Protein backbone atom coordinates (compact mmCIF):
# COMPACT_ATOMS: atom_id res chain seq x y z
CA MET A 1 2.15 -6.70 -14.79
CA ALA A 2 3.72 -3.37 -13.81
CA ILE A 3 3.51 -1.90 -10.34
CA LEU A 4 3.29 1.87 -10.24
CA ALA A 5 4.53 4.11 -7.46
CA PRO A 6 2.09 6.78 -6.24
CA SER A 7 3.10 9.96 -4.51
CA VAL A 8 4.50 9.69 -1.00
CA THR A 9 2.70 10.96 2.10
CA ALA A 10 4.86 9.80 5.04
CA SER A 11 8.47 10.93 5.14
CA GLU A 12 11.14 8.44 4.12
CA ALA A 13 13.06 9.30 7.29
CA GLU A 14 10.23 8.09 9.51
CA LEU A 15 10.49 4.60 8.02
CA ALA A 16 14.13 4.34 7.03
CA GLY A 17 16.23 3.59 10.09
CA PRO A 18 16.28 1.90 13.47
CA GLN A 19 17.24 5.05 15.35
CA ARG A 20 14.80 7.37 17.02
CA LEU A 21 12.73 9.54 14.70
CA ALA A 22 14.73 12.64 15.62
CA GLN A 23 17.89 10.92 14.37
CA ALA A 24 16.29 9.31 11.33
CA ASP A 25 17.08 12.21 8.99
CA THR A 26 20.79 11.39 9.25
CA ASP A 27 20.34 7.67 8.47
CA ALA A 28 21.38 6.26 5.13
CA LYS A 29 18.35 5.11 3.20
CA PRO A 30 17.54 3.89 -0.29
CA SER A 31 16.57 6.62 -2.73
CA ASP A 32 13.25 6.55 -4.55
CA ALA A 33 15.17 5.64 -7.71
CA ASP A 34 16.45 2.48 -6.01
CA SER A 35 13.22 1.32 -4.38
CA LEU A 36 9.50 1.25 -5.14
CA THR A 37 6.96 1.79 -2.37
CA LEU A 38 4.14 -0.75 -2.65
CA LEU A 39 2.27 0.32 0.47
CA ARG A 40 2.69 3.04 3.08
CA PHE A 41 0.32 4.07 5.86
CA GLU A 42 0.21 4.90 9.54
CA THR A 43 -1.90 3.68 12.42
CA GLN A 44 -2.39 5.17 15.86
CA SER A 45 0.84 3.50 17.02
CA TYR A 46 2.86 2.63 13.89
CA LEU A 47 4.22 3.84 10.56
CA VAL A 48 4.31 1.04 7.97
CA ARG A 49 6.12 0.77 4.65
CA VAL A 50 6.31 -2.14 2.21
CA TYR A 51 8.70 -1.67 -0.69
CA ARG A 52 10.51 -3.52 -3.48
CA GLU A 53 14.22 -3.22 -4.05
CA ASP A 54 16.41 -5.31 -6.33
CA GLY A 55 13.49 -7.65 -7.04
CA LEU A 56 12.78 -8.38 -3.34
CA THR A 57 9.97 -7.15 -1.08
CA TYR A 58 10.82 -5.59 2.30
CA LEU A 59 8.83 -4.39 5.33
CA ASN A 60 9.51 -1.53 7.76
CA VAL A 61 7.38 -0.99 10.87
CA TYR A 62 8.20 2.05 13.01
CA ASN A 63 6.71 2.15 16.52
CA LYS A 64 5.64 5.76 17.23
CA GLU A 65 5.20 5.06 20.95
CA THR A 66 8.72 3.73 21.58
CA GLY A 67 10.49 5.74 18.88
CA PHE A 68 12.18 2.63 17.48
CA THR A 69 11.72 0.53 14.37
CA ASP A 70 10.24 -2.91 15.16
CA GLN A 71 10.95 -4.21 11.67
CA ASN A 72 13.65 -2.58 9.54
CA GLY A 73 14.13 -3.73 5.97
CA VAL A 74 13.11 -7.32 6.71
CA LEU A 75 12.19 -9.61 3.84
CA ALA A 76 8.44 -9.80 3.30
CA TYR A 77 6.10 -11.87 1.16
CA LEU A 78 2.60 -11.57 -0.23
CA VAL A 79 0.28 -13.77 1.86
CA GLU A 80 -1.92 -16.14 -0.13
CA PRO A 81 -5.61 -15.32 0.40
CA ASP A 82 -7.66 -17.79 2.47
CA ASP A 83 -10.25 -17.96 -0.30
CA GLU A 84 -10.98 -16.42 -3.68
CA THR A 85 -13.36 -13.83 -2.21
CA ALA A 86 -10.73 -12.30 0.11
CA ASP A 87 -10.10 -8.74 -1.03
CA TRP A 88 -7.23 -7.81 1.33
CA ARG A 89 -3.72 -7.76 -0.12
CA ILE A 90 -1.48 -8.75 2.80
CA TYR A 91 2.29 -8.39 3.13
CA ALA A 92 4.02 -10.12 6.08
CA ASN A 93 7.57 -10.44 7.36
CA GLN A 94 9.24 -13.78 6.58
CA GLN A 95 10.96 -14.30 9.94
CA GLY A 96 10.70 -13.11 13.53
CA ASP A 97 9.09 -13.76 16.89
CA LEU A 98 5.99 -11.82 15.77
CA GLU A 99 4.30 -11.65 12.40
CA TYR A 100 3.57 -8.12 11.18
CA ARG A 101 0.84 -8.06 8.50
CA ALA A 102 0.42 -4.87 6.47
CA MET A 103 -2.95 -4.95 4.68
CA VAL A 104 -4.73 -2.98 1.97
CA ASN A 105 -7.94 -3.57 0.01
CA PRO A 106 -9.33 -2.11 -3.24
CA GLU A 107 -11.52 0.34 -1.30
CA GLY A 108 -8.40 2.03 0.11
CA ASP A 109 -8.70 0.65 3.66
CA THR A 110 -5.43 -0.26 5.39
CA ALA A 111 -4.62 -2.05 8.63
CA LEU A 112 -1.76 -3.57 10.59
CA GLU A 113 -2.09 -6.90 12.36
CA ILE A 114 0.59 -8.15 14.77
CA ARG A 115 0.32 -11.79 15.83
CA LEU A 116 2.28 -14.93 16.58
CA PRO A 117 3.58 -16.64 13.42
CA ASP A 118 0.90 -19.01 12.10
CA GLY A 119 -1.24 -17.97 15.09
CA PRO A 120 -4.90 -17.02 15.15
CA PRO A 121 -5.98 -13.62 13.80
CA ALA A 122 -5.31 -10.67 16.08
CA PRO A 123 -7.22 -7.36 16.35
CA LEU A 124 -6.47 -5.05 13.44
CA GLU A 125 -5.12 -1.56 13.99
CA PRO A 126 -6.81 0.56 11.27
CA GLY A 127 -4.59 2.67 9.05
CA PHE A 128 -4.82 6.16 7.59
CA ASN A 129 -2.74 8.46 5.34
CA ALA A 130 -2.36 5.59 2.89
CA THR A 131 -0.33 5.59 -0.27
CA TYR A 132 0.03 2.43 -2.31
CA SER A 133 0.29 0.86 -5.72
CA PHE A 134 -2.36 -1.82 -5.18
CA PRO A 135 -4.69 -0.62 -7.98
CA HIS A 136 -2.34 -2.21 -10.53
CA ILE A 137 -4.66 -5.21 -10.13
CA PHE A 138 -7.02 -3.43 -12.55
CA LEU A 139 -4.43 -3.31 -15.35
CA GLY A 140 -5.64 -5.14 -18.43
CA GLU A 141 -9.27 -5.16 -17.25
CA ALA A 142 -12.17 -3.69 -19.21
CA LEU A 143 -12.93 -0.12 -18.17
CA ASP A 144 -16.72 -0.47 -17.89
CA ASP A 145 -16.50 -3.59 -15.69
CA THR A 146 -13.89 -1.98 -13.42
CA LEU A 147 -15.89 1.26 -13.10
CA SER A 148 -18.99 -0.72 -12.18
CA THR A 149 -17.08 -2.64 -9.48
CA LEU A 150 -15.50 0.54 -8.08
CA GLU A 151 -18.79 2.47 -8.04
CA GLU A 152 -20.41 -0.39 -6.10
CA SER A 153 -17.58 0.02 -3.56
CA GLY A 154 -18.37 3.70 -3.05
CA TRP A 155 -16.07 5.37 -5.59
CA SER A 156 -17.52 8.34 -7.53
CA VAL A 157 -16.46 9.44 -11.00
CA ALA A 158 -14.88 12.88 -10.62
CA SER A 159 -13.89 13.49 -14.25
CA THR A 160 -13.60 11.71 -17.56
CA SER A 161 -11.53 12.39 -20.65
CA GLY A 162 -10.91 10.44 -23.85
CA GLU A 163 -8.18 8.35 -22.15
CA MET A 164 -8.54 8.90 -18.39
CA VAL A 165 -11.14 8.52 -15.65
CA GLN A 166 -10.60 10.05 -12.22
CA LEU A 167 -12.56 8.66 -9.26
CA THR A 168 -12.74 9.86 -5.66
CA ARG A 169 -13.66 8.24 -2.36
CA HIS A 170 -12.97 9.48 1.19
CA GLN A 171 -10.48 12.11 -0.07
CA LEU A 172 -8.60 9.53 -2.12
CA ALA A 173 -8.16 10.00 -5.86
CA LEU A 174 -7.88 7.05 -8.24
CA SER A 175 -6.79 7.58 -11.85
CA LEU A 176 -7.54 4.98 -14.51
CA LYS A 177 -5.88 5.51 -17.87
CA PHE A 178 -7.24 3.36 -20.67
CA ASP A 179 -6.68 2.64 -24.33
CA PRO A 180 -9.48 4.50 -26.14
CA ASP A 181 -9.69 1.82 -28.86
CA THR A 182 -9.83 -1.31 -26.68
CA GLN A 183 -11.27 0.31 -23.50
CA VAL A 184 -8.70 -1.70 -21.49
CA ILE A 185 -6.99 -0.10 -18.46
CA THR A 186 -3.29 0.55 -19.06
CA TYR A 187 -2.34 2.59 -15.95
CA THR A 188 -3.70 3.11 -12.44
CA GLN A 189 -2.63 5.28 -9.56
CA LEU A 190 -4.15 5.90 -6.12
CA VAL A 191 -3.19 9.04 -4.23
CA ASP A 192 -4.13 10.30 -0.77
CA PRO A 193 -3.86 14.08 -1.30
CA SER A 194 -3.56 14.91 2.40
């Protein structure tokens, strides 16, 4: 199953290095050709990026209040859902005194949770300005079933062509490309145009 990289909304410099934001432009960082952003968003206090590089998943968490990166290129993993009905996709750091959980769901909501490792749930800090490649979960699914599910979640069909459907919700745009013969989704991309 392929993961597709959407357009970028937060600057790479803001998430790349441990130095203060003003110095971040001079930091060495992986190029887009070398890494694939899986999830990027900001909260009131943080900038969050989850990315894949050389087959591994990494997490960056930049603290806007202190001007320093709390987590910089630390190994991350995809958290197993508590049950089959859980719709959040959660990435967490593998080691550390605190567990940073970057979350996204199919409706485009994002959040950051910071808690003790294996501790009880902590209050979520809601995210905004999200960009992510989560919709790849729809690849290989039947178009009509997926459209029905998305419309029930508040998405509206913006345009349709012989091979592409564009949906919108809360200023997000979701593109579903499908095989016209089989009506199976072959490509998805979610973009926050702001």
